[in-house]
Amino acid sequence: MPKYRNDLPQLGDTLFLTDSGLETTLIFHDGMELPHFASFDLLKTAAGRKRLRDYYELHARTAVENRMGFVLESVTWRANPDWAKKLGYDARSLAFANRDAIDMLVDIRREFETPASPMVISGNLGPRGDGYDPGRLMSAAEAEDYHCTQIDTLSWTEADFISGFTINNVPEAVGIVRAAKRLEVPSVISFTLETDGRLPTGQTLQEAIETTDAETGGAAAYFMINCAHPTHFEDALKANAAWTQRIRGLRANASRRSHAELDSSPDLDAGDPIELGRQYRDLRRSFGHLTMLGGCCGTDHRHVREIARFCSSAEALA
């Protein structure tokens, strides 16, 4: 039985860190080839596994040093049937990759977890299509059927919950939550937003969260925001609103660039790690229920370290 599946500790008041922009770190800092942004493909080689493990261990140590919890997010964002087919995976090899990704995190948790730094394992799901462009929208029923394959595989591992990241439309979010509920796995949905604070489909974040909750009976454990800079969405959040209270996590981009600008840019905009740390602190002062903090595109360990520094101090919520 997964260690925390029936009692997710990040739902309390303890602050949890998670990692940063894995794929952009691998491509722009390490100079690695990463076809289709599929980091799970690195599990096939000893060198790739070592690089992934080094990356996670660096972030886990930061959590332990700051006496914060840590969310180990698996490298399976692209490990769904459509994307994996482009890389030559069949159903059997894809299922093995999903399980292997979780097994690696189990080993890391075993090595680094302490009573002051509980560590939960998230089975990561990405969108069926492009994270920046919703493309042809599936119905909620189609999304449930599609994502059920990967969630079912992850449900038999030691993943404590599953997380749908960079979700850009409501029907896909609903389908993921329904599939996870059917398989009795806790779920998290992380929406991505444009520079106007809305989903790429044009819906407001409030509409997305309230509709997803309404169509799933509030089955998601919580919601998150990822792949957007704080300046893109801070004005969209409403203090004390019920829907805002459902947002427990944040993985922001380092850059203020739009998705279109990021997609076409040949360089990495890493922003300012200290500035980002301060922005997280300011958001926590207004929204103290944000307890799960990490980074997305353009961020690396430096950004997570500054987020921990600014948000773990006694003055963070003053």
C-alpha atoms as a PDB file:
ATOM      1  CA  MET A   1       0.000   0.000   0.000  1.00  0.00           C
ATOM      2  CA  PRO A   2       1.412   3.460  -0.850  1.00  0.00           C
ATOM      3  CA  LYS A   3       2.687   5.203   2.240  1.00  0.00           C
ATOM      4  CA  TYR A   4       0.439   8.273   2.236  1.00  0.00           C
ATOM      5  CA  ARG A   5      -2.396   7.502  -0.180  1.00  0.00           C
ATOM      6  CA  ASN A   6      -5.077   7.651   2.522  1.00  0.00           C
ATOM      7  CA  ASP A   7      -3.625  10.665   4.336  1.00  0.00           C
ATOM      8  CA  LEU A   8      -1.817  13.186   2.141  1.00  0.00           C
ATOM      9  CA  PRO A   9       0.359  15.244   4.512  1.00  0.00           C
ATOM     10  CA  GLN A  10       0.530  18.249   2.154  1.00  0.00           C
ATOM     11  CA  LEU A  11      -3.131  18.925   2.955  1.00  0.00           C
ATOM     12  CA  GLY A  12      -2.058  20.196   6.374  1.00  0.00           C
ATOM     13  CA  ASP A  13      -0.173  23.358   7.266  1.00  0.00           C
ATOM     14  CA  THR A  14       3.344  22.005   6.659  1.00  0.00           C
ATOM     15  CA  LEU A  15       5.157  23.606   3.743  1.00  0.00           C
ATOM     16  CA  PHE A  16       6.218  21.256   0.961  1.00  0.00           C
ATOM     17  CA  LEU A  17       8.771  21.922  -1.717  1.00  0.00           C
ATOM     18  CA  THR A  18       8.894  20.160  -5.029  1.00  0.00           C
ATOM     19  CA  ASP A  19      11.326  20.309  -7.914  1.00  0.00           C
ATOM     20  CA  SER A  20      11.775  22.872 -10.681  1.00  0.00           C
ATOM     21  CA  GLY A  21      11.768  22.926 -14.486  1.00  0.00           C
ATOM     22  CA  LEU A  22      13.213  19.487 -15.126  1.00  0.00           C
ATOM     23  CA  GLU A  23      12.950  19.487 -18.896  1.00  0.00           C
ATOM     24  CA  THR A  24      14.276  23.015 -19.413  1.00  0.00           C
ATOM     25  CA  THR A  25      17.128  22.248 -17.016  1.00  0.00           C
ATOM     26  CA  LEU A  26      18.077  19.126 -18.955  1.00  0.00           C
ATOM     27  CA  ILE A  27      17.891  20.827 -22.342  1.00  0.00           C
ATOM     28  CA  PHE A  28      19.325  24.284 -21.696  1.00  0.00           C
ATOM     29  CA  HIS A  29      21.692  23.701 -18.754  1.00  0.00           C
ATOM     30  CA  ASP A  30      22.829  20.154 -19.452  1.00  0.00           C
ATOM     31  CA  GLY A  31      22.664  20.274 -23.234  1.00  0.00           C
ATOM     32  CA  MET A  32      20.764  17.002 -23.408  1.00  0.00           C
ATOM     33  CA  GLU A  33      18.582  15.852 -26.278  1.00  0.00           C
ATOM     34  CA  LEU A  34      15.006  15.450 -25.083  1.00  0.00           C
ATOM     35  CA  PRO A  35      12.700  14.586 -27.984  1.00  0.00           C
ATOM     36  CA  HIS A  36       9.123  15.741 -27.357  1.00  0.00           C
ATOM     37  CA  PHE A  37      10.142  16.968 -23.886  1.00  0.00           C
ATOM     38  CA  ALA A  38       9.902  13.338 -22.755  1.00  0.00           C
ATOM     39  CA  SER A  39      12.183  13.076 -19.732  1.00  0.00           C
ATOM     40  CA  PHE A  40      10.933   9.559 -18.933  1.00  0.00           C
ATOM     41  CA  ASP A  41      12.906   8.320 -21.943  1.00  0.00           C
ATOM     42  CA  LEU A  42      16.110   8.929 -19.968  1.00  0.00           C
ATOM     43  CA  LEU A  43      15.221   6.002 -17.712  1.00  0.00           C
ATOM     44  CA  LYS A  44      16.419   3.648 -20.475  1.00  0.00           C
ATOM     45  CA  THR A  45      20.131   4.362 -19.904  1.00  0.00           C
ATOM     46  CA  ALA A  46      22.380   4.324 -16.861  1.00  0.00           C
ATOM     47  CA  ALA A  47      23.616   7.842 -17.643  1.00  0.00           C
ATOM     48  CA  GLY A  48      20.085   9.142 -17.988  1.00  0.00           C
ATOM     49  CA  ARG A  49      18.961   7.541 -14.731  1.00  0.00           C
ATOM     50  CA  LYS A  50      21.950   9.009 -12.909  1.00  0.00           C
ATOM     51  CA  ARG A  51      21.202  12.503 -14.196  1.00  0.00           C
ATOM     52  CA  LEU A  52      17.569  12.236 -13.104  1.00  0.00           C
ATOM     53  CA  ARG A  53      18.514  10.903  -9.693  1.00  0.00           C
ATOM     54  CA  ASP A  54      21.101  13.659  -9.161  1.00  0.00           C
ATOM     55  CA  TYR A  55      18.449  16.233 -10.046  1.00  0.00           C
ATOM     56  CA  TYR A  56      15.918  14.891  -7.536  1.00  0.00           C
ATOM     57  CA  GLU A  57      18.470  14.418  -4.786  1.00  0.00           C
ATOM     58  CA  LEU A  58      19.615  18.035  -5.070  1.00  0.00           C
ATOM     59  CA  HIS A  59      16.058  19.267  -4.538  1.00  0.00           C
ATOM     60  CA  ALA A  60      15.307  16.742  -1.787  1.00  0.00           C
ATOM     61  CA  ARG A  61      18.341  17.912   0.177  1.00  0.00           C
ATOM     62  CA  THR A  62      17.051  21.484   0.031  1.00  0.00           C
ATOM     63  CA  ALA A  63      13.751  20.356   1.556  1.00  0.00           C
ATOM     64  CA  VAL A  64      15.518  18.450   4.323  1.00  0.00           C
ATOM     65  CA  GLU A  65      17.870  21.351   5.072  1.00  0.00           C
ATOM     66  CA  ASN A  66      14.881  23.669   5.449  1.00  0.00           C
ATOM     67  CA  ARG A  67      12.820  21.115   7.406  1.00  0.00           C
ATOM     68  CA  MET A  68      10.120  21.201   4.746  1.00  0.00           C
ATOM     69  CA  GLY A  69       8.168  18.369   3.190  1.00  0.00           C
ATOM     70  CA  PHE A  70       8.904  17.328  -0.374  1.00  0.00           C
ATOM     71  CA  VAL A  71       6.779  16.145  -3.296  1.00  0.00           C
ATOM     72  CA  LEU A  72       8.630  13.714  -5.534  1.00  0.00           C
ATOM     73  CA  GLU A  73       7.002  14.315  -8.930  1.00  0.00           C
ATOM     74  CA  SER A  74       7.628  11.483 -11.398  1.00  0.00           C
ATOM     75  CA  VAL A  75       9.142  12.004 -14.845  1.00  0.00           C
ATOM     76  CA  THR A  76       6.006  10.643 -16.524  1.00  0.00           C
ATOM     77  CA  TRP A  77       4.508  13.914 -17.838  1.00  0.00           C
ATOM     78  CA  ARG A  78       4.872  12.648 -21.412  1.00  0.00           C
ATOM     79  CA  ALA A  79       4.390   8.952 -20.578  1.00  0.00           C
ATOM     80  CA  ASN A  80       0.920   8.631 -22.076  1.00  0.00           C
ATOM     81  CA  PRO A  81       0.054   6.594 -25.189  1.00  0.00           C
ATOM     82  CA  ASP A  82       0.059   9.358 -27.821  1.00  0.00           C
ATOM     83  CA  TRP A  83       3.381  10.921 -26.889  1.00  0.00           C
ATOM     84  CA  ALA A  84       5.074   7.605 -26.118  1.00  0.00           C
ATOM     85  CA  LYS A  85       4.109   6.227 -29.532  1.00  0.00           C
ATOM     86  CA  LYS A  86       6.165   8.998 -31.135  1.00  0.00           C
ATOM     87  CA  LEU A  87       9.168   7.664 -29.218  1.00  0.00           C
ATOM     88  CA  GLY A  88       8.609   4.055 -30.241  1.00  0.00           C
ATOM     89  CA  TYR A  89       7.034   2.723 -27.037  1.00  0.00           C
ATOM     90  CA  ASP A  90       4.358   0.046 -27.121  1.00  0.00           C
ATOM     91  CA  ALA A  91       1.836  -0.491 -24.329  1.00  0.00           C
ATOM     92  CA  ARG A  92       4.059  -2.920 -22.435  1.00  0.00           C
ATOM     93  CA  SER A  93       7.222  -0.814 -22.514  1.00  0.00           C
ATOM     94  CA  LEU A  94       5.241   2.302 -21.612  1.00  0.00           C
ATOM     95  CA  ALA A  95       3.703   0.632 -18.571  1.00  0.00           C
ATOM     96  CA  PHE A  96       7.175  -0.487 -17.489  1.00  0.00           C
ATOM     97  CA  ALA A  97       8.507   3.084 -17.831  1.00  0.00           C
ATOM     98  CA  ASN A  98       5.709   4.462 -15.645  1.00  0.00           C
ATOM     99  CA  ARG A  99       6.389   1.873 -12.966  1.00  0.00           C
ATOM    100  CA  ASP A 100      10.142   2.353 -13.207  1.00  0.00           C
ATOM    101  CA  ALA A 101       9.774   6.111 -12.729  1.00  0.00           C
ATOM    102  CA  ILE A 102       7.927   5.583  -9.461  1.00  0.00           C
ATOM    103  CA  ASP A 103      10.379   2.934  -8.242  1.00  0.00           C
ATOM    104  CA  MET A 104      13.219   5.442  -8.600  1.00  0.00           C
ATOM    105  CA  LEU A 105      11.362   7.916  -6.396  1.00  0.00           C
ATOM    106  CA  VAL A 106      10.659   5.242  -3.780  1.00  0.00           C
ATOM    107  CA  ASP A 107      14.409   4.703  -3.472  1.00  0.00           C
ATOM    108  CA  ILE A 108      15.054   8.431  -3.125  1.00  0.00           C
ATOM    109  CA  ARG A 109      12.353   8.781  -0.476  1.00  0.00           C
ATOM    110  CA  ARG A 110      13.810   5.889   1.451  1.00  0.00           C
ATOM    111  CA  GLU A 111      17.184   7.641   1.507  1.00  0.00           C
ATOM    112  CA  PHE A 112      16.138  11.227   2.272  1.00  0.00           C
ATOM    113  CA  GLU A 113      12.838  11.301   4.166  1.00  0.00           C
ATOM    114  CA  THR A 114      12.954  12.441   7.788  1.00  0.00           C
ATOM    115  CA  PRO A 115      10.228  13.072  10.399  1.00  0.00           C
ATOM    116  CA  ALA A 116      10.590  16.821   9.729  1.00  0.00           C
ATOM    117  CA  SER A 117      10.575  16.302   5.954  1.00  0.00           C
ATOM    118  CA  PRO A 118       7.826  13.882   4.928  1.00  0.00           C
ATOM    119  CA  MET A 119       8.038  12.955   1.250  1.00  0.00           C
ATOM    120  CA  VAL A 120       5.081  12.052  -0.934  1.00  0.00           C
ATOM    121  CA  ILE A 121       5.219  10.524  -4.401  1.00  0.00           C
ATOM    122  CA  SER A 122       3.122  11.916  -7.235  1.00  0.00           C
ATOM    123  CA  GLY A 123       2.478  10.043 -10.456  1.00  0.00           C
ATOM    124  CA  ASN A 124       2.663  12.861 -12.993  1.00  0.00           C
ATOM    125  CA  LEU A 125       0.324  13.073 -15.989  1.00  0.00           C
ATOM    126  CA  GLY A 126       0.532  15.588 -18.792  1.00  0.00           C
ATOM    127  CA  PRO A 127      -2.114  16.616 -21.304  1.00  0.00           C
ATOM    128  CA  ARG A 128      -2.872  14.364 -24.238  1.00  0.00           C
ATOM    129  CA  GLY A 129      -1.853  17.141 -26.616  1.00  0.00           C
ATOM    130  CA  ASP A 130       0.300  20.250 -26.343  1.00  0.00           C
ATOM    131  CA  GLY A 131       0.376  21.881 -22.932  1.00  0.00           C
ATOM    132  CA  TYR A 132       0.228  25.355 -24.457  1.00  0.00           C
ATOM    133  CA  ASP A 133      -2.461  24.662 -27.057  1.00  0.00           C
ATOM    134  CA  PRO A 134      -5.666  22.764 -26.244  1.00  0.00           C
ATOM    135  CA  GLY A 135      -6.097  21.802 -29.894  1.00  0.00           C
ATOM    136  CA  ARG A 136      -9.041  19.477 -30.461  1.00  0.00           C
ATOM    137  CA  LEU A 137     -10.830  19.233 -27.152  1.00  0.00           C
ATOM    138  CA  MET A 138     -11.825  15.812 -25.918  1.00  0.00           C
ATOM    139  CA  SER A 139     -15.069  15.339 -24.075  1.00  0.00           C
ATOM    140  CA  ALA A 140     -14.755  14.545 -20.387  1.00  0.00           C
ATOM    141  CA  ALA A 141     -15.707  10.937 -21.163  1.00  0.00           C
ATOM    142  CA  GLU A 142     -12.995  10.670 -23.833  1.00  0.00           C
ATOM    143  CA  ALA A 143     -10.430  12.164 -21.453  1.00  0.00           C
ATOM    144  CA  GLU A 144     -11.437   9.754 -18.708  1.00  0.00           C
ATOM    145  CA  ASP A 145     -11.003   6.792 -21.026  1.00  0.00           C
ATOM    146  CA  TYR A 146      -7.703   8.070 -22.428  1.00  0.00           C
ATOM    147  CA  HIS A 147      -5.977   8.903 -19.131  1.00  0.00           C
ATOM    148  CA  CYS A 148      -7.343   5.840 -17.349  1.00  0.00           C
ATOM    149  CA  THR A 149      -4.602   3.698 -18.925  1.00  0.00           C
ATOM    150  CA  GLN A 150      -1.746   5.605 -17.322  1.00  0.00           C
ATOM    151  CA  ILE A 151      -3.566   6.155 -14.033  1.00  0.00           C
ATOM    152  CA  ASP A 152      -4.345   2.444 -13.786  1.00  0.00           C
ATOM    153  CA  THR A 153      -0.648   1.628 -14.216  1.00  0.00           C
ATOM    154  CA  LEU A 154       0.320   4.174 -11.569  1.00  0.00           C
ATOM    155  CA  SER A 155      -2.377   2.921  -9.189  1.00  0.00           C
ATOM    156  CA  TRP A 156      -0.464  -0.354  -8.802  1.00  0.00           C
ATOM    157  CA  THR A 157       2.739   1.431  -7.785  1.00  0.00           C
ATOM    158  CA  GLU A 158       3.734   3.188  -4.572  1.00  0.00           C
ATOM    159  CA  ALA A 159       2.595   6.569  -5.902  1.00  0.00           C
ATOM    160  CA  ASP A 160       0.551   8.269  -3.203  1.00  0.00           C
ATOM    161  CA  PHE A 161      -1.541  10.241  -5.699  1.00  0.00           C
ATOM    162  CA  ILE A 162      -1.591  11.362  -9.325  1.00  0.00           C
ATOM    163  CA  SER A 163      -1.206  14.914 -10.624  1.00  0.00           C
ATOM    164  CA  GLY A 164      -2.384  16.239 -13.973  1.00  0.00           C
ATOM    165  CA  PHE A 165       0.003  19.044 -14.917  1.00  0.00           C
ATOM    166  CA  THR A 166      -0.163  21.822 -17.505  1.00  0.00           C
ATOM    167  CA  ILE A 167      -3.843  21.079 -18.043  1.00  0.00           C
ATOM    168  CA  ASN A 168      -5.273  23.710 -20.357  1.00  0.00           C
ATOM    169  CA  ASN A 169      -8.962  22.802 -20.595  1.00  0.00           C
ATOM    170  CA  VAL A 170     -11.748  21.748 -18.264  1.00  0.00           C
ATOM    171  CA  PRO A 171     -13.034  18.549 -19.953  1.00  0.00           C
ATOM    172  CA  GLU A 172      -9.577  16.986 -19.726  1.00  0.00           C
ATOM    173  CA  ALA A 173      -9.315  17.966 -16.070  1.00  0.00           C
ATOM    174  CA  VAL A 174     -12.724  16.435 -15.371  1.00  0.00           C
ATOM    175  CA  GLY A 175     -11.778  13.235 -17.174  1.00  0.00           C
ATOM    176  CA  ILE A 176      -8.540  12.852 -15.213  1.00  0.00           C
ATOM    177  CA  VAL A 177     -10.275  13.366 -11.872  1.00  0.00           C
ATOM    178  CA  ARG A 178     -13.077  10.952 -12.765  1.00  0.00           C
ATOM    179  CA  ALA A 179     -10.605   8.277 -13.867  1.00  0.00           C
ATOM    180  CA  ALA A 180      -8.587   8.640 -10.675  1.00  0.00           C
ATOM    181  CA  LYS A 181     -11.737   8.520  -8.567  1.00  0.00           C
ATOM    182  CA  ARG A 182     -12.861   5.324 -10.321  1.00  0.00           C
ATOM    183  CA  LEU A 183      -9.465   3.757  -9.614  1.00  0.00           C
ATOM    184  CA  GLU A 184      -9.478   5.036  -6.003  1.00  0.00           C
ATOM    185  CA  VAL A 185      -6.374   7.177  -6.390  1.00  0.00           C
ATOM    186  CA  PRO A 186      -6.253  10.750  -4.985  1.00  0.00           C
ATOM    187  CA  SER A 187      -5.871  13.321  -7.744  1.00  0.00           C
ATOM    188  CA  VAL A 188      -4.544  16.842  -8.207  1.00  0.00           C
ATOM    189  CA  ILE A 189      -5.142  19.127 -11.178  1.00  0.00           C
ATOM    190  CA  SER A 190      -2.689  21.869 -12.089  1.00  0.00           C
ATOM    191  CA  PHE A 191      -3.986  24.356 -14.633  1.00  0.00           C
ATOM    192  CA  THR A 192      -1.740  26.410 -16.889  1.00  0.00           C
ATOM    193  CA  LEU A 193      -2.651  30.030 -17.571  1.00  0.00           C
ATOM    194  CA  GLU A 194      -1.935  32.655 -20.184  1.00  0.00           C
ATOM    195  CA  THR A 195      -0.629  36.166 -19.425  1.00  0.00           C
ATOM    196  CA  ASP A 196      -4.211  37.337 -18.774  1.00  0.00           C
ATOM    197  CA  GLY A 197      -4.699  34.785 -15.996  1.00  0.00           C
ATOM    198  CA  ARG A 198      -7.089  32.670 -18.083  1.00  0.00           C
ATOM    199  CA  LEU A 199      -6.777  29.154 -19.444  1.00  0.00           C
ATOM    200  CA  PRO A 200      -5.760  28.892 -23.123  1.00  0.00           C
ATOM    201  CA  THR A 201      -9.431  28.126 -23.827  1.00  0.00           C
ATOM    202  CA  GLY A 202     -10.366  31.562 -22.463  1.00  0.00           C
ATOM    203  CA  GLN A 203     -12.036  30.328 -19.279  1.00  0.00           C
ATOM    204  CA  THR A 204     -11.192  32.013 -16.020  1.00  0.00           C
ATOM    205  CA  LEU A 205      -9.389  30.035 -13.347  1.00  0.00           C
ATOM    206  CA  GLN A 206     -12.449  30.385 -11.151  1.00  0.00           C
ATOM    207  CA  GLU A 207     -14.669  28.863 -13.830  1.00  0.00           C
ATOM    208  CA  ALA A 208     -12.208  26.027 -14.395  1.00  0.00           C
ATOM    209  CA  ILE A 209     -11.964  25.059 -10.728  1.00  0.00           C
ATOM    210  CA  GLU A 210     -15.646  25.447  -9.956  1.00  0.00           C
ATOM    211  CA  THR A 211     -16.715  23.496 -13.056  1.00  0.00           C
ATOM    212  CA  THR A 212     -14.238  20.687 -12.414  1.00  0.00           C
ATOM    213  CA  ASP A 213     -15.443  20.399  -8.827  1.00  0.00           C
ATOM    214  CA  ALA A 214     -19.095  20.516  -9.878  1.00  0.00           C
ATOM    215  CA  GLU A 215     -18.666  17.763 -12.481  1.00  0.00           C
ATOM    216  CA  THR A 216     -16.616  15.459 -10.239  1.00  0.00           C
ATOM    217  CA  GLY A 217     -18.276  15.967  -6.868  1.00  0.00           C
ATOM    218  CA  GLY A 218     -15.223  17.829  -5.618  1.00  0.00           C
ATOM    219  CA  ALA A 219     -13.133  14.668  -5.973  1.00  0.00           C
ATOM    220  CA  ALA A 220      -9.781  16.377  -6.622  1.00  0.00           C
ATOM    221  CA  ALA A 221      -7.660  16.623  -3.486  1.00  0.00           C
ATOM    222  CA  TYR A 222      -6.674  20.163  -4.486  1.00  0.00           C
ATOM    223  CA  PHE A 223      -5.702  22.321  -7.436  1.00  0.00           C
ATOM    224  CA  MET A 224      -2.477  23.975  -8.520  1.00  0.00           C
ATOM    225  CA  ILE A 225      -1.164  26.503 -11.015  1.00  0.00           C
ATOM    226  CA  ASN A 226       1.866  25.762 -13.156  1.00  0.00           C
ATOM    227  CA  CYS A 227       3.685  27.078 -16.230  1.00  0.00           C
ATOM    228  CA  ALA A 228       2.730  30.730 -15.675  1.00  0.00           C
ATOM    229  CA  HIS A 229       4.578  33.618 -14.030  1.00  0.00           C
ATOM    230  CA  PRO A 230       3.099  35.070 -10.798  1.00  0.00           C
ATOM    231  CA  THR A 231       2.424  38.370 -12.564  1.00  0.00           C
ATOM    232  CA  HIS A 232       0.146  36.504 -14.987  1.00  0.00           C
ATOM    233  CA  PHE A 233      -2.332  35.328 -12.367  1.00  0.00           C
ATOM    234  CA  GLU A 234      -1.886  37.166  -9.058  1.00  0.00           C
ATOM    235  CA  ASP A 235      -4.680  39.620  -9.869  1.00  0.00           C
ATOM    236  CA  ALA A 236      -7.034  36.757 -10.760  1.00  0.00           C
ATOM    237  CA  LEU A 237      -6.891  35.231  -7.278  1.00  0.00           C
ATOM    238  CA  LYS A 238      -9.487  36.326  -4.747  1.00  0.00           C
ATOM    239  CA  ALA A 239      -8.604  36.174  -1.067  1.00  0.00           C
ATOM    240  CA  ASN A 240     -11.025  34.102   1.044  1.00  0.00           C
ATOM    241  CA  ALA A 241     -13.044  32.953  -1.995  1.00  0.00           C
ATOM    242  CA  ALA A 242     -14.012  29.279  -1.747  1.00  0.00           C
ATOM    243  CA  TRP A 243     -12.558  28.451  -5.163  1.00  0.00           C
ATOM    244  CA  THR A 244      -9.251  30.131  -4.314  1.00  0.00           C
ATOM    245  CA  GLN A 245      -9.012  28.064  -1.144  1.00  0.00           C
ATOM    246  CA  ARG A 246      -8.952  24.967  -3.353  1.00  0.00           C
ATOM    247  CA  ILE A 247      -5.565  26.044  -4.777  1.00  0.00           C
ATOM    248  CA  ARG A 248      -2.848  24.512  -2.636  1.00  0.00           C
ATOM    249  CA  GLY A 249       0.178  24.473  -4.928  1.00  0.00           C
ATOM    250  CA  LEU A 250       2.207  26.671  -7.240  1.00  0.00           C
ATOM    251  CA  ARG A 251       4.892  25.872  -9.794  1.00  0.00           C
ATOM    252  CA  ALA A 252       5.529  29.136 -11.617  1.00  0.00           C
ATOM    253  CA  ASN A 253       7.691  29.894 -14.617  1.00  0.00           C
ATOM    254  CA  ALA A 254      10.837  31.925 -14.158  1.00  0.00           C
ATOM    255  CA  SER A 255       9.949  34.042 -17.181  1.00  0.00           C
ATOM    256  CA  ARG A 256       7.251  36.623 -17.763  1.00  0.00           C
ATOM    257  CA  ARG A 257       7.088  35.547 -21.410  1.00  0.00           C
ATOM    258  CA  SER A 258       3.838  34.233 -22.864  1.00  0.00           C
ATOM    259  CA  HIS A 259       3.480  30.588 -23.865  1.00  0.00           C
ATOM    260  CA  ALA A 260       3.841  31.549 -27.522  1.00  0.00           C
ATOM    261  CA  GLU A 261       7.052  33.459 -26.790  1.00  0.00           C
ATOM    262  CA  LEU A 262       8.468  30.584 -24.737  1.00  0.00           C
ATOM    263  CA  ASP A 263       7.591  28.068 -27.424  1.00  0.00           C
ATOM    264  CA  SER A 264       9.428  29.982 -30.149  1.00  0.00           C
ATOM    265  CA  SER A 265      12.404  31.147 -28.072  1.00  0.00           C
ATOM    266  CA  PRO A 266      15.817  29.595 -28.801  1.00  0.00           C
ATOM    267  CA  ASP A 267      17.170  30.683 -25.411  1.00  0.00           C
ATOM    268  CA  LEU A 268      16.218  30.126 -21.780  1.00  0.00           C
ATOM    269  CA  ASP A 269      14.825  33.014 -19.744  1.00  0.00           C
ATOM    270  CA  ALA A 270      15.745  32.055 -16.179  1.00  0.00           C
ATOM    271  CA  GLY A 271      14.439  35.293 -14.684  1.00  0.00           C
ATOM    272  CA  ASP A 272      15.681  36.264 -11.222  1.00  0.00           C
ATOM    273  CA  PRO A 273      15.610  33.497  -8.571  1.00  0.00           C
ATOM    274  CA  ILE A 274      15.617  35.982  -5.682  1.00  0.00           C
ATOM    275  CA  GLU A 275      12.780  37.984  -7.194  1.00  0.00           C
ATOM    276  CA  LEU A 276      10.754  34.816  -7.705  1.00  0.00           C
ATOM    277  CA  GLY A 277      11.345  33.797  -4.096  1.00  0.00           C
ATOM    278  CA  ARG A 278      10.023  37.162  -2.928  1.00  0.00           C
ATOM    279  CA  GLN A 279       6.975  36.830  -5.198  1.00  0.00           C
ATOM    280  CA  TYR A 280       6.184  33.443  -3.669  1.00  0.00           C
ATOM    281  CA  ARG A 281       6.524  34.920  -0.198  1.00  0.00           C
ATOM    282  CA  ASP A 282       4.137  37.741  -1.089  1.00  0.00           C
ATOM    283  CA  LEU A 283       1.606  35.298  -2.512  1.00  0.00           C
ATOM    284  CA  ARG A 284       1.855  33.196   0.649  1.00  0.00           C
ATOM    285  CA  ARG A 285       1.130  36.285   2.726  1.00  0.00           C
ATOM    286  CA  SER A 286      -2.149  36.765   0.872  1.00  0.00           C
ATOM    287  CA  PHE A 287      -2.919  33.091   0.354  1.00  0.00           C
ATOM    288  CA  GLY A 288      -1.541  31.133   3.299  1.00  0.00           C
ATOM    289  CA  HIS A 289      -3.142  27.919   2.024  1.00  0.00           C
ATOM    290  CA  LEU A 290      -0.464  27.708  -0.697  1.00  0.00           C
ATOM    291  CA  THR A 291       1.582  24.957   0.929  1.00  0.00           C
ATOM    292  CA  MET A 292       3.161  23.166  -2.051  1.00  0.00           C
ATOM    293  CA  LEU A 293       5.827  25.218  -3.816  1.00  0.00           C
ATOM    294  CA  GLY A 294       8.150  24.559  -6.735  1.00  0.00           C
ATOM    295  CA  GLY A 295       9.055  25.785 -10.193  1.00  0.00           C
ATOM    296  CA  CYS A 296       8.267  25.170 -13.840  1.00  0.00           C
ATOM    297  CA  CYS A 297       9.813  26.262 -17.153  1.00  0.00           C
ATOM    298  CA  GLY A 298      13.092  28.133 -16.779  1.00  0.00           C
ATOM    299  CA  THR A 299      13.463  27.459 -13.071  1.00  0.00           C
ATOM    300  CA  ASP A 300      16.148  25.271 -11.574  1.00  0.00           C
ATOM    301  CA  HIS A 301      17.505  24.432  -8.138  1.00  0.00           C
ATOM    302  CA  ARG A 302      18.498  28.062  -7.513  1.00  0.00           C
ATOM    303  CA  HIS A 303      14.885  29.180  -7.747  1.00  0.00           C
ATOM    304  CA  VAL A 304      13.630  26.436  -5.433  1.00  0.00           C
ATOM    305  CA  ARG A 305      16.350  27.300  -2.923  1.00  0.00           C
ATOM    306  CA  GLU A 306      15.219  30.953  -2.885  1.00  0.00           C
ATOM    307  CA  ILE A 307      11.571  29.948  -2.621  1.00  0.00           C
ATOM    308  CA  ALA A 308      12.468  27.860   0.422  1.00  0.00           C
ATOM    309  CA  ARG A 309      14.522  30.680   1.921  1.00  0.00           C
ATOM    310  CA  PHE A 310      11.806  33.308   1.571  1.00  0.00           C
ATOM    311  CA  CYS A 311       8.842  31.112   2.472  1.00  0.00           C
ATOM    312  CA  SER A 312      10.207  29.050   5.378  1.00  0.00           C
ATOM    313  CA  SER A 313      11.323  31.953   7.586  1.00  0.00           C
ATOM    314  CA  ALA A 314       9.357  33.057  10.641  1.00  0.00           C
ATOM    315  CA  GLU A 315       8.629  36.376   8.917  1.00  0.00           C
ATOM    316  CA  ALA A 316       7.251  34.773   5.747  1.00  0.00           C
ATOM    317  CA  LEU A 317       3.602  35.393   6.611  1.00  0.00           C
ATOM    318  CA  ALA A 318       4.118  38.566   8.643  1.00  0.00           C
END
